[in-house]
Each structure stands twice: as C-alpha cells, then as structure tokens.
Amino acid sequence: MFVQVIKGRTNDAEGLHRQAEHWDAEVRPRAIGHLGGTFGIADDGVFLVLARFEDEASARANSDRPEQQAWWEDTAHFIEGTPSFRESTDVTTLFEGGSDEAGFVQVMEGTVSDRAKAEAWETPEMLAALRSARPDLLGGLRVWFSDGSFVEAAYFTNEEDARKGEASSDFTGPQQEYTELFGELTFVDLRTPHLT
C-alpha cells in the first residue's frame, strides 16, 4: 500500500467539500490503483487527505491523468497557500484499518523515540482488550515516514461515543512506559469525514 497524506488550510470549507464530492463522482471511478481515502475539514479550516493506492506507480500514474490535474487546479482555488504532501509505503493498521462506517475521524501527528519498543507493546492481547473496551473505535491507519514521524487516523462510530470511550476506565493499557515513547502529539478532528 502507498499512502499520500495532504494537509493544508481551506478558505472555503463548503467549496472544498463540493470538490471532494465532485472527485468522488467524476474523477475517482477512473482513478488508477486507488484503494480508498479519508478527507475532512476541522473546525479551524485545516483539512487532511489520506489517499491510499496499490503502489507508488499507480499513484504517480493517477496524478498524471489530465482529469486529475484539472480537478486539482480547480481545487487549489479553495486552499490557502501550498498544502504539505507526504508519502509512504510504510503503513500499519489497527484492527481492519479505516472504516467507511465512521462518523468521526481523529488524526494524530507525532514522533516516536523507539518504534520497535512501541510496537512491541501492541500485542494481540492488548489489541483484543482495546477492541472489547472500545466498541466505538472501528479501526485505524498509521502512516510512518523516514524521519520517525507518523500520521495516524482513528475511525470512530461517532464523536459522542469516542469522547465517552476516551474518558472511560474500561481499558487500562497501554502503560506509562508506552506513552512516554511518543513525543508531543497534535490532533485534528474530522467531524464530517468524507470516506471512500
């Protein structure tokens, strides 16, 4: 899997949502190697896209399509400045990965001091306990970059259930040693995610 992560700020949330709907209806059906995507705009105008492709070659071929380029040129009118683009084939999933059934998506960005140690904590037993305690959490997608940073999208049934779940004491792990491996995290809440 090859994932493109695009982040920026919109000057017209409604217009950008319309562009996403246009892409889904008119451009996506002929997209090369496209596996799915997550798009959303936070309350402060920050938008995020996680576009999943079979491989890098498919993503490049898709970007070169005239209809894709024309759509992007139109979309740029709804974006302030130049958005950031990051790409990676280093992708891990939580449970079955992202879910089109999600009503709320939270995106986290950060770094980890020791990835191997952090992943060693994520045992099948811990994940089973998490799934049992947090039925609101449908799955997740973590994209790793060469500098040790990552972007992780967590997919929830809805925001109300997610807030209740994060405040619950039903799930006691992971422990402090695990959480200390992660640097400062930033969060972007996508309350009306567009999922394909």
N, C-alpha and C. Protein backbone atom coordinates (compact mmCIF):
# COMPACT_ATOMS: atom_id res chain seq x y z
N MET A 1 0.84 -1.19 0.00
CA MET A 1 0.00 0.00 0.00
C MET A 1 0.88 1.25 0.00
N PHE A 2 0.43 2.26 -0.72
CA PHE A 2 1.11 3.54 -0.80
C PHE A 2 0.11 4.60 -0.39
N VAL A 3 0.50 5.45 0.56
CA VAL A 3 -0.43 6.45 1.10
C VAL A 3 0.13 7.84 0.89
N GLN A 4 -0.69 8.73 0.37
CA GLN A 4 -0.37 10.14 0.27
C GLN A 4 -1.14 10.88 1.36
N VAL A 5 -0.44 11.69 2.13
CA VAL A 5 -1.05 12.49 3.19
C VAL A 5 -0.92 13.95 2.78
N ILE A 6 -2.04 14.61 2.60
CA ILE A 6 -2.08 16.01 2.19
C ILE A 6 -2.73 16.81 3.31
N LYS A 7 -2.07 17.90 3.70
CA LYS A 7 -2.60 18.73 4.79
C LYS A 7 -2.46 20.20 4.41
N GLY A 8 -3.50 20.95 4.69
CA GLY A 8 -3.46 22.37 4.40
C GLY A 8 -4.60 23.08 5.10
N ARG A 9 -4.89 24.27 4.63
CA ARG A 9 -5.98 25.06 5.21
C ARG A 9 -6.85 25.58 4.08
N THR A 10 -8.15 25.50 4.28
CA THR A 10 -9.07 25.97 3.26
C THR A 10 -9.60 27.36 3.59
N ASN A 11 -9.89 28.11 2.55
CA ASN A 11 -10.54 29.41 2.72
C ASN A 11 -12.02 29.32 2.39
N ASP A 12 -12.48 28.11 2.07
CA ASP A 12 -13.89 27.91 1.71
C ASP A 12 -14.23 26.43 1.94
N ALA A 13 -14.66 26.11 3.17
CA ALA A 13 -14.92 24.71 3.52
C ALA A 13 -16.02 24.11 2.65
N GLU A 14 -17.08 24.86 2.39
CA GLU A 14 -18.17 24.33 1.57
C GLU A 14 -17.68 24.05 0.15
N GLY A 15 -16.89 24.96 -0.40
CA GLY A 15 -16.36 24.75 -1.74
C GLY A 15 -15.45 23.54 -1.81
N LEU A 16 -14.63 23.34 -0.78
CA LEU A 16 -13.73 22.20 -0.78
C LEU A 16 -14.50 20.89 -0.63
N HIS A 17 -15.55 20.91 0.17
CA HIS A 17 -16.41 19.72 0.28
C HIS A 17 -17.05 19.41 -1.08
N ARG A 18 -17.47 20.43 -1.79
CA ARG A 18 -18.06 20.20 -3.12
C ARG A 18 -17.02 19.58 -4.06
N GLN A 19 -15.79 20.04 -3.96
CA GLN A 19 -14.74 19.47 -4.80
C GLN A 19 -14.50 18.00 -4.46
N ALA A 20 -14.56 17.67 -3.19
CA ALA A 20 -14.40 16.26 -2.79
C ALA A 20 -15.53 15.41 -3.36
N GLU A 21 -16.74 15.92 -3.31
CA GLU A 21 -17.87 15.19 -3.87
C GLU A 21 -17.74 15.05 -5.39
N HIS A 22 -17.25 16.11 -6.03
CA HIS A 22 -17.03 16.06 -7.49
C HIS A 22 -15.97 15.01 -7.82
N TRP A 23 -14.88 14.98 -7.04
CA TRP A 23 -13.83 13.99 -7.29
C TRP A 23 -14.39 12.58 -7.14
N ASP A 24 -15.18 12.38 -6.10
CA ASP A 24 -15.72 11.05 -5.83
C ASP A 24 -16.63 10.59 -6.97
N ALA A 25 -17.43 11.50 -7.50
CA ALA A 25 -18.40 11.13 -8.53
C ALA A 25 -17.81 11.07 -9.93
N GLU A 26 -16.91 12.01 -10.24
CA GLU A 26 -16.46 12.15 -11.63
C GLU A 26 -15.02 11.71 -11.89
N VAL A 27 -14.15 11.81 -10.90
CA VAL A 27 -12.73 11.53 -11.13
C VAL A 27 -12.32 10.16 -10.58
N ARG A 28 -12.82 9.84 -9.41
CA ARG A 28 -12.42 8.58 -8.75
C ARG A 28 -12.74 7.32 -9.57
N PRO A 29 -13.88 7.24 -10.28
CA PRO A 29 -14.19 5.98 -10.97
C PRO A 29 -13.10 5.51 -11.93
N ARG A 30 -12.29 6.41 -12.46
CA ARG A 30 -11.22 6.01 -13.38
C ARG A 30 -9.83 6.16 -12.75
N ALA A 31 -9.80 6.37 -11.43
CA ALA A 31 -8.52 6.51 -10.74
C ALA A 31 -7.73 5.21 -10.82
N ILE A 32 -6.45 5.31 -11.02
CA ILE A 32 -5.58 4.15 -11.21
C ILE A 32 -5.08 3.65 -9.85
N GLY A 33 -5.42 2.41 -9.52
CA GLY A 33 -4.91 1.79 -8.31
C GLY A 33 -5.40 2.40 -7.02
N HIS A 34 -6.48 3.16 -7.06
CA HIS A 34 -6.98 3.83 -5.86
C HIS A 34 -7.72 2.82 -4.97
N LEU A 35 -7.30 2.71 -3.71
CA LEU A 35 -7.92 1.77 -2.78
C LEU A 35 -8.96 2.43 -1.89
N GLY A 36 -8.80 3.72 -1.64
CA GLY A 36 -9.74 4.41 -0.77
C GLY A 36 -9.12 5.68 -0.22
N GLY A 37 -9.93 6.45 0.48
CA GLY A 37 -9.41 7.69 1.00
C GLY A 37 -10.22 8.23 2.16
N THR A 38 -9.60 9.10 2.91
CA THR A 38 -10.23 9.81 4.02
C THR A 38 -9.98 11.29 3.81
N PHE A 39 -11.04 12.08 3.85
CA PHE A 39 -10.92 13.52 3.69
C PHE A 39 -11.82 14.18 4.73
N GLY A 40 -11.33 15.29 5.28
CA GLY A 40 -12.17 16.04 6.21
C GLY A 40 -11.57 17.40 6.49
N ILE A 41 -12.42 18.27 7.03
CA ILE A 41 -12.02 19.62 7.38
C ILE A 41 -12.34 19.85 8.85
N ALA A 42 -11.35 20.29 9.61
CA ALA A 42 -11.56 20.59 11.01
C ALA A 42 -12.26 21.94 11.17
N ASP A 43 -12.68 22.22 12.39
CA ASP A 43 -13.42 23.45 12.66
C ASP A 43 -12.60 24.70 12.33
N ASP A 44 -11.27 24.60 12.45
CA ASP A 44 -10.43 25.77 12.21
C ASP A 44 -10.00 25.92 10.75
N GLY A 45 -10.55 25.08 9.87
CA GLY A 45 -10.23 25.18 8.45
C GLY A 45 -9.09 24.30 7.98
N VAL A 46 -8.43 23.61 8.89
CA VAL A 46 -7.38 22.67 8.49
C VAL A 46 -8.04 21.46 7.83
N PHE A 47 -7.52 21.05 6.68
CA PHE A 47 -8.05 19.87 6.02
C PHE A 47 -6.95 18.81 5.90
N LEU A 48 -7.38 17.58 5.86
CA LEU A 48 -6.47 16.44 5.71
C LEU A 48 -7.04 15.46 4.70
N VAL A 49 -6.13 14.88 3.92
CA VAL A 49 -6.48 13.81 2.98
C VAL A 49 -5.50 12.67 3.21
N LEU A 50 -6.01 11.46 3.35
CA LEU A 50 -5.19 10.26 3.32
C LEU A 50 -5.69 9.44 2.15
N ALA A 51 -4.92 9.42 1.07
CA ALA A 51 -5.31 8.71 -0.15
C ALA A 51 -4.49 7.44 -0.26
N ARG A 52 -5.16 6.30 -0.37
CA ARG A 52 -4.49 5.01 -0.40
C ARG A 52 -4.49 4.43 -1.82
N PHE A 53 -3.32 3.99 -2.26
CA PHE A 53 -3.16 3.39 -3.59
C PHE A 53 -2.48 2.03 -3.46
N GLU A 54 -2.62 1.24 -4.52
CA GLU A 54 -1.98 -0.08 -4.52
C GLU A 54 -0.48 0.04 -4.38
N ASP A 55 0.12 1.01 -5.07
CA ASP A 55 1.57 1.19 -5.03
C ASP A 55 1.90 2.60 -5.53
N GLU A 56 3.18 2.95 -5.43
CA GLU A 56 3.60 4.29 -5.82
C GLU A 56 3.39 4.55 -7.31
N ALA A 57 3.65 3.54 -8.13
CA ALA A 57 3.49 3.71 -9.57
C ALA A 57 2.04 4.07 -9.92
N SER A 58 1.09 3.42 -9.26
CA SER A 58 -0.32 3.73 -9.51
C SER A 58 -0.64 5.16 -9.12
N ALA A 59 -0.12 5.60 -7.97
CA ALA A 59 -0.37 6.96 -7.52
C ALA A 59 0.20 7.98 -8.51
N ARG A 60 1.41 7.71 -9.00
CA ARG A 60 2.03 8.62 -9.97
C ARG A 60 1.23 8.66 -11.27
N ALA A 61 0.81 7.49 -11.74
CA ALA A 61 0.03 7.44 -12.97
C ALA A 61 -1.29 8.17 -12.80
N ASN A 62 -1.88 8.03 -11.61
CA ASN A 62 -3.15 8.73 -11.36
C ASN A 62 -2.95 10.23 -11.37
N SER A 63 -1.86 10.70 -10.76
CA SER A 63 -1.59 12.15 -10.72
C SER A 63 -1.39 12.73 -12.11
N ASP A 64 -0.91 11.90 -13.04
CA ASP A 64 -0.63 12.37 -14.39
C ASP A 64 -1.87 12.41 -15.29
N ARG A 65 -2.97 11.87 -14.83
CA ARG A 65 -4.18 11.89 -15.65
C ARG A 65 -4.66 13.32 -15.85
N PRO A 66 -5.03 13.70 -17.08
CA PRO A 66 -5.50 15.08 -17.32
C PRO A 66 -6.68 15.47 -16.44
N GLU A 67 -7.63 14.56 -16.23
CA GLU A 67 -8.80 14.91 -15.44
C GLU A 67 -8.44 15.12 -13.97
N GLN A 68 -7.41 14.37 -13.48
CA GLN A 68 -6.94 14.57 -12.11
C GLN A 68 -6.25 15.93 -11.99
N GLN A 69 -5.42 16.27 -12.95
CA GLN A 69 -4.72 17.55 -12.92
C GLN A 69 -5.69 18.72 -13.01
N ALA A 70 -6.71 18.59 -13.86
CA ALA A 70 -7.71 19.65 -13.99
C ALA A 70 -8.49 19.82 -12.69
N TRP A 71 -8.84 18.70 -12.07
CA TRP A 71 -9.56 18.77 -10.80
C TRP A 71 -8.71 19.46 -9.74
N TRP A 72 -7.42 19.13 -9.68
CA TRP A 72 -6.56 19.72 -8.67
C TRP A 72 -6.40 21.23 -8.91
N GLU A 73 -6.30 21.64 -10.15
CA GLU A 73 -6.19 23.07 -10.46
C GLU A 73 -7.44 23.81 -9.97
N ASP A 74 -8.60 23.23 -10.16
CA ASP A 74 -9.83 23.84 -9.67
C ASP A 74 -9.86 23.85 -8.14
N THR A 75 -9.40 22.77 -7.54
CA THR A 75 -9.43 22.64 -6.08
C THR A 75 -8.51 23.65 -5.41
N ALA A 76 -7.41 23.99 -6.06
CA ALA A 76 -6.43 24.92 -5.48
C ALA A 76 -7.06 26.27 -5.14
N HIS A 77 -8.15 26.64 -5.80
CA HIS A 77 -8.82 27.91 -5.50
C HIS A 77 -9.42 27.92 -4.11
N PHE A 78 -9.62 26.75 -3.52
CA PHE A 78 -10.24 26.66 -2.20
C PHE A 78 -9.22 26.41 -1.10
N ILE A 79 -7.93 26.55 -1.44
CA ILE A 79 -6.85 26.26 -0.49
C ILE A 79 -6.00 27.49 -0.28
N GLU A 80 -5.68 27.76 0.97
CA GLU A 80 -4.78 28.87 1.30
C GLU A 80 -3.33 28.39 1.21
N GLY A 81 -2.52 29.08 0.45
CA GLY A 81 -1.11 28.72 0.36
C GLY A 81 -0.90 27.37 -0.30
N THR A 82 0.21 26.74 0.06
CA THR A 82 0.58 25.45 -0.52
C THR A 82 0.45 24.35 0.53
N PRO A 83 -0.38 23.35 0.29
CA PRO A 83 -0.51 22.27 1.27
C PRO A 83 0.74 21.41 1.30
N SER A 84 0.91 20.69 2.40
CA SER A 84 2.03 19.75 2.51
C SER A 84 1.63 18.41 1.93
N PHE A 85 2.58 17.75 1.28
CA PHE A 85 2.39 16.42 0.73
C PHE A 85 3.44 15.50 1.34
N ARG A 86 3.00 14.42 1.94
CA ARG A 86 3.92 13.39 2.43
C ARG A 86 3.44 12.04 1.93
N GLU A 87 4.38 11.17 1.63
CA GLU A 87 4.04 9.87 1.04
C GLU A 87 4.83 8.76 1.71
N SER A 88 4.24 7.57 1.74
CA SER A 88 4.93 6.45 2.36
C SER A 88 4.29 5.12 1.96
N THR A 89 5.13 4.10 1.94
CA THR A 89 4.64 2.73 1.79
C THR A 89 4.69 2.00 3.13
N ASP A 90 5.16 2.68 4.17
CA ASP A 90 5.31 2.09 5.50
C ASP A 90 4.02 2.36 6.28
N VAL A 91 3.10 1.43 6.21
CA VAL A 91 1.76 1.63 6.75
C VAL A 91 1.37 0.45 7.63
N THR A 92 0.81 0.75 8.79
CA THR A 92 0.27 -0.30 9.66
C THR A 92 -1.19 0.02 9.93
N THR A 93 -1.95 -1.01 10.27
CA THR A 93 -3.38 -0.82 10.52
C THR A 93 -3.74 -1.29 11.92
N LEU A 94 -4.78 -0.69 12.46
CA LEU A 94 -5.38 -1.13 13.71
C LEU A 94 -6.68 -1.85 13.36
N PHE A 95 -6.84 -3.05 13.89
CA PHE A 95 -7.98 -3.88 13.53
C PHE A 95 -8.00 -4.08 12.01
N GLU A 96 -9.10 -3.71 11.35
CA GLU A 96 -9.17 -3.91 9.89
C GLU A 96 -8.79 -2.65 9.13
N GLY A 97 -8.23 -1.67 9.81
CA GLY A 97 -7.87 -0.42 9.15
C GLY A 97 -9.00 0.58 9.23
N GLY A 98 -9.05 1.50 8.27
CA GLY A 98 -10.09 2.52 8.24
C GLY A 98 -11.45 1.90 7.97
N SER A 99 -12.50 2.67 8.25
CA SER A 99 -13.86 2.18 8.04
C SER A 99 -14.73 3.27 7.42
N ASP A 100 -15.41 2.92 6.34
CA ASP A 100 -16.35 3.85 5.70
C ASP A 100 -17.59 4.08 6.56
N GLU A 101 -17.74 3.29 7.63
CA GLU A 101 -18.88 3.45 8.52
C GLU A 101 -18.64 4.51 9.58
N ALA A 102 -17.43 5.06 9.65
CA ALA A 102 -17.09 6.01 10.70
C ALA A 102 -17.86 7.32 10.55
N GLY A 103 -18.32 7.84 11.67
CA GLY A 103 -18.96 9.14 11.68
C GLY A 103 -18.06 10.23 12.22
N PHE A 104 -16.87 9.82 12.68
CA PHE A 104 -15.91 10.75 13.26
C PHE A 104 -14.52 10.15 13.08
N VAL A 105 -13.58 10.99 12.62
CA VAL A 105 -12.20 10.54 12.44
C VAL A 105 -11.28 11.52 13.16
N GLN A 106 -10.39 10.99 13.97
CA GLN A 106 -9.40 11.83 14.64
C GLN A 106 -8.02 11.48 14.07
N VAL A 107 -7.31 12.53 13.63
CA VAL A 107 -5.99 12.33 13.04
C VAL A 107 -4.94 12.85 14.01
N MET A 108 -3.96 12.01 14.30
CA MET A 108 -2.87 12.37 15.21
C MET A 108 -1.57 12.42 14.42
N GLU A 109 -0.75 13.40 14.74
CA GLU A 109 0.57 13.52 14.13
C GLU A 109 1.60 13.62 15.24
N GLY A 110 2.73 12.93 15.07
CA GLY A 110 3.76 12.99 16.10
C GLY A 110 4.98 12.20 15.72
N THR A 111 5.81 11.93 16.71
CA THR A 111 7.03 11.15 16.54
C THR A 111 7.10 10.11 17.65
N VAL A 112 7.94 9.11 17.46
CA VAL A 112 8.15 8.10 18.48
C VAL A 112 9.66 7.90 18.63
N SER A 113 10.11 7.78 19.86
CA SER A 113 11.55 7.67 20.11
C SER A 113 12.08 6.28 19.81
N ASP A 114 11.24 5.27 19.95
CA ASP A 114 11.66 3.88 19.70
C ASP A 114 10.47 3.13 19.14
N ARG A 115 10.38 3.09 17.82
CA ARG A 115 9.22 2.48 17.18
C ARG A 115 9.10 1.00 17.53
N ALA A 116 10.20 0.27 17.49
CA ALA A 116 10.16 -1.17 17.77
C ALA A 116 9.62 -1.44 19.17
N LYS A 117 10.05 -0.64 20.13
CA LYS A 117 9.58 -0.83 21.51
C LYS A 117 8.09 -0.49 21.61
N ALA A 118 7.69 0.58 20.92
CA ALA A 118 6.28 0.96 20.96
C ALA A 118 5.40 -0.13 20.35
N GLU A 119 5.83 -0.66 19.23
CA GLU A 119 5.03 -1.71 18.58
C GLU A 119 5.04 -3.01 19.36
N ALA A 120 6.10 -3.24 20.12
CA ALA A 120 6.15 -4.45 20.96
C ALA A 120 5.07 -4.43 22.04
N TRP A 121 4.67 -3.23 22.44
CA TRP A 121 3.59 -3.12 23.42
C TRP A 121 2.24 -3.46 22.81
N GLU A 122 2.10 -3.35 21.50
CA GLU A 122 0.82 -3.53 20.83
C GLU A 122 0.59 -5.01 20.54
N THR A 123 0.50 -5.80 21.59
CA THR A 123 0.35 -7.24 21.48
C THR A 123 -1.08 -7.61 21.08
N PRO A 124 -1.28 -8.82 20.58
CA PRO A 124 -2.65 -9.27 20.29
C PRO A 124 -3.57 -9.18 21.51
N GLU A 125 -3.01 -9.46 22.69
CA GLU A 125 -3.81 -9.40 23.91
C GLU A 125 -4.25 -7.96 24.20
N MET A 126 -3.32 -7.03 24.03
CA MET A 126 -3.65 -5.63 24.27
C MET A 126 -4.69 -5.14 23.28
N LEU A 127 -4.52 -5.52 22.00
CA LEU A 127 -5.47 -5.09 20.98
C LEU A 127 -6.84 -5.71 21.20
N ALA A 128 -6.88 -6.96 21.68
CA ALA A 128 -8.16 -7.60 21.97
C ALA A 128 -8.86 -6.89 23.12
N ALA A 129 -8.10 -6.49 24.12
CA ALA A 129 -8.68 -5.75 25.25
C ALA A 129 -9.19 -4.38 24.79
N LEU A 130 -8.44 -3.74 23.90
CA LEU A 130 -8.86 -2.44 23.37
C LEU A 130 -10.15 -2.58 22.58
N ARG A 131 -10.23 -3.60 21.73
CA ARG A 131 -11.44 -3.80 20.92
C ARG A 131 -12.65 -4.06 21.81
N SER A 132 -12.45 -4.82 22.88
CA SER A 132 -13.55 -5.13 23.78
C SER A 132 -14.02 -3.90 24.55
N ALA A 133 -13.05 -3.08 24.99
CA ALA A 133 -13.39 -1.92 25.82
C ALA A 133 -13.87 -0.73 25.01
N ARG A 134 -13.48 -0.69 23.74
CA ARG A 134 -13.79 0.49 22.92
C ARG A 134 -14.54 0.09 21.64
N PRO A 135 -15.81 -0.32 21.77
CA PRO A 135 -16.56 -0.66 20.55
C PRO A 135 -16.77 0.54 19.63
N ASP A 136 -16.56 1.75 20.16
CA ASP A 136 -16.67 2.95 19.34
C ASP A 136 -15.52 3.09 18.36
N LEU A 137 -14.39 2.44 18.63
CA LEU A 137 -13.20 2.52 17.78
C LEU A 137 -13.28 1.42 16.72
N LEU A 138 -13.52 1.82 15.48
CA LEU A 138 -13.72 0.86 14.40
C LEU A 138 -12.42 0.36 13.80
N GLY A 139 -11.37 1.17 13.86
CA GLY A 139 -10.09 0.78 13.28
C GLY A 139 -9.20 1.99 13.13
N GLY A 140 -8.04 1.77 12.54
CA GLY A 140 -7.10 2.87 12.37
C GLY A 140 -6.07 2.58 11.30
N LEU A 141 -5.39 3.64 10.90
CA LEU A 141 -4.36 3.57 9.87
C LEU A 141 -3.21 4.45 10.33
N ARG A 142 -2.00 3.89 10.42
CA ARG A 142 -0.82 4.66 10.83
C ARG A 142 0.18 4.66 9.69
N VAL A 143 0.56 5.86 9.27
CA VAL A 143 1.50 6.04 8.16
C VAL A 143 2.81 6.55 8.73
N TRP A 144 3.89 5.82 8.49
CA TRP A 144 5.22 6.15 9.01
C TRP A 144 6.05 6.83 7.93
N PHE A 145 6.88 7.79 8.37
CA PHE A 145 7.78 8.48 7.46
C PHE A 145 9.23 8.26 7.90
N SER A 146 10.15 8.50 6.98
CA SER A 146 11.55 8.14 7.20
C SER A 146 12.21 8.90 8.36
N ASP A 147 11.64 10.05 8.73
CA ASP A 147 12.23 10.81 9.83
C ASP A 147 11.73 10.39 11.21
N GLY A 148 10.96 9.29 11.26
CA GLY A 148 10.44 8.80 12.53
C GLY A 148 9.09 9.39 12.91
N SER A 149 8.58 10.28 12.09
CA SER A 149 7.26 10.84 12.37
C SER A 149 6.17 9.95 11.79
N PHE A 150 4.95 10.18 12.22
CA PHE A 150 3.83 9.39 11.71
C PHE A 150 2.56 10.24 11.71
N VAL A 151 1.62 9.79 10.90
CA VAL A 151 0.26 10.31 10.90
C VAL A 151 -0.66 9.12 11.12
N GLU A 152 -1.53 9.23 12.09
CA GLU A 152 -2.44 8.13 12.40
C GLU A 152 -3.88 8.61 12.39
N ALA A 153 -4.72 7.90 11.68
CA ALA A 153 -6.14 8.22 11.64
C ALA A 153 -6.90 7.14 12.40
N ALA A 154 -7.71 7.56 13.37
CA ALA A 154 -8.54 6.63 14.14
C ALA A 154 -9.99 6.87 13.75
N TYR A 155 -10.69 5.79 13.45
CA TYR A 155 -12.05 5.85 12.91
C TYR A 155 -13.04 5.40 14.00
N PHE A 156 -13.99 6.27 14.31
CA PHE A 156 -14.95 6.02 15.38
C PHE A 156 -16.37 6.02 14.84
N THR A 157 -17.27 5.35 15.59
CA THR A 157 -18.67 5.31 15.21
C THR A 157 -19.23 6.73 15.12
N ASN A 158 -18.97 7.54 16.14
CA ASN A 158 -19.38 8.95 16.17
C ASN A 158 -18.58 9.66 17.25
N GLU A 159 -18.62 10.97 17.24
CA GLU A 159 -17.79 11.72 18.19
C GLU A 159 -18.26 11.54 19.63
N GLU A 160 -19.55 11.50 19.85
CA GLU A 160 -20.06 11.35 21.22
C GLU A 160 -19.55 10.07 21.85
N ASP A 161 -19.64 8.97 21.12
CA ASP A 161 -19.15 7.69 21.65
C ASP A 161 -17.64 7.71 21.85
N ALA A 162 -16.93 8.38 20.94
CA ALA A 162 -15.47 8.46 21.05
C ALA A 162 -15.07 9.21 22.32
N ARG A 163 -15.75 10.32 22.62
CA ARG A 163 -15.42 11.10 23.82
C ARG A 163 -15.73 10.30 25.08
N LYS A 164 -16.83 9.58 25.07
CA LYS A 164 -17.15 8.74 26.22
C LYS A 164 -16.10 7.64 26.38
N GLY A 165 -15.69 7.06 25.27
CA GLY A 165 -14.72 5.97 25.32
C GLY A 165 -13.37 6.41 25.82
N GLU A 166 -12.91 7.61 25.40
CA GLU A 166 -11.59 8.05 25.84
C GLU A 166 -11.57 8.43 27.31
N ALA A 167 -12.74 8.74 27.86
CA ALA A 167 -12.82 9.07 29.28
C ALA A 167 -13.10 7.85 30.15
N SER A 168 -13.37 6.72 29.52
CA SER A 168 -13.71 5.50 30.25
C SER A 168 -12.47 4.87 30.87
N SER A 169 -12.68 4.16 31.96
CA SER A 169 -11.59 3.42 32.61
C SER A 169 -11.64 1.94 32.27
N ASP A 170 -12.46 1.57 31.27
CA ASP A 170 -12.58 0.15 30.92
C ASP A 170 -11.31 -0.42 30.30
N PHE A 171 -10.53 0.44 29.64
CA PHE A 171 -9.28 -0.02 29.03
C PHE A 171 -8.13 0.61 29.80
N THR A 172 -7.30 -0.22 30.44
CA THR A 172 -6.25 0.30 31.32
C THR A 172 -4.90 0.41 30.63
N GLY A 173 -4.68 -0.25 29.52
CA GLY A 173 -3.38 -0.15 28.85
C GLY A 173 -3.48 0.81 27.69
N PRO A 174 -2.38 1.19 27.07
CA PRO A 174 -1.01 0.85 27.44
C PRO A 174 -0.51 1.66 28.64
N GLN A 175 0.58 1.22 29.21
CA GLN A 175 1.11 1.81 30.41
C GLN A 175 1.93 3.06 30.11
N GLN A 176 2.36 3.71 31.19
CA GLN A 176 3.10 4.97 31.07
C GLN A 176 4.35 4.81 30.22
N GLU A 177 5.04 3.68 30.36
CA GLU A 177 6.28 3.46 29.59
C GLU A 177 6.01 3.53 28.10
N TYR A 178 4.86 3.03 27.68
CA TYR A 178 4.48 3.07 26.28
C TYR A 178 4.21 4.50 25.83
N THR A 179 3.39 5.21 26.58
CA THR A 179 3.01 6.55 26.16
C THR A 179 4.20 7.50 26.17
N GLU A 180 5.19 7.25 27.03
CA GLU A 180 6.36 8.12 27.08
C GLU A 180 7.25 7.98 25.85
N LEU A 181 7.05 6.93 25.05
CA LEU A 181 7.82 6.75 23.82
C LEU A 181 7.39 7.75 22.75
N PHE A 182 6.21 8.30 22.91
CA PHE A 182 5.67 9.21 21.91
C PHE A 182 5.94 10.66 22.31
N GLY A 183 6.35 11.45 21.33
CA GLY A 183 6.55 12.87 21.57
C GLY A 183 5.22 13.59 21.64
N GLU A 184 5.28 14.90 21.57
CA GLU A 184 4.07 15.70 21.61
C GLU A 184 3.22 15.40 20.38
N LEU A 185 1.95 15.15 20.61
CA LEU A 185 1.02 14.82 19.53
C LEU A 185 0.15 16.02 19.21
N THR A 186 -0.17 16.18 17.93
CA THR A 186 -1.17 17.16 17.53
C THR A 186 -2.38 16.39 17.02
N PHE A 187 -3.56 16.95 17.23
CA PHE A 187 -4.80 16.28 16.88
C PHE A 187 -5.62 17.15 15.93
N VAL A 188 -6.20 16.51 14.95
CA VAL A 188 -7.13 17.17 14.03
C VAL A 188 -8.41 16.34 14.02
N ASP A 189 -9.51 16.97 14.42
CA ASP A 189 -10.80 16.27 14.49
C ASP A 189 -11.60 16.52 13.22
N LEU A 190 -11.94 15.42 12.54
CA LEU A 190 -12.75 15.50 11.32
C LEU A 190 -14.17 15.06 11.68
N ARG A 191 -15.04 16.04 11.91
CA ARG A 191 -16.38 15.74 12.40
C ARG A 191 -17.34 15.33 11.29
N THR A 192 -17.04 15.70 10.06
CA THR A 192 -17.87 15.27 8.93
C THR A 192 -16.95 14.65 7.87
N PRO A 193 -16.38 13.49 8.18
CA PRO A 193 -15.41 12.89 7.24
C PRO A 193 -16.07 12.44 5.95
N HIS A 194 -15.31 12.56 4.88
CA HIS A 194 -15.72 12.07 3.56
C HIS A 194 -14.86 10.83 3.31
N LEU A 195 -15.49 9.66 3.27
CA LEU A 195 -14.76 8.39 3.21
C LEU A 195 -15.11 7.63 1.95
N THR A 196 -14.04 7.11 1.30
CA THR A 196 -14.28 6.29 0.11
C THR A 196 -13.47 5.01 0.22
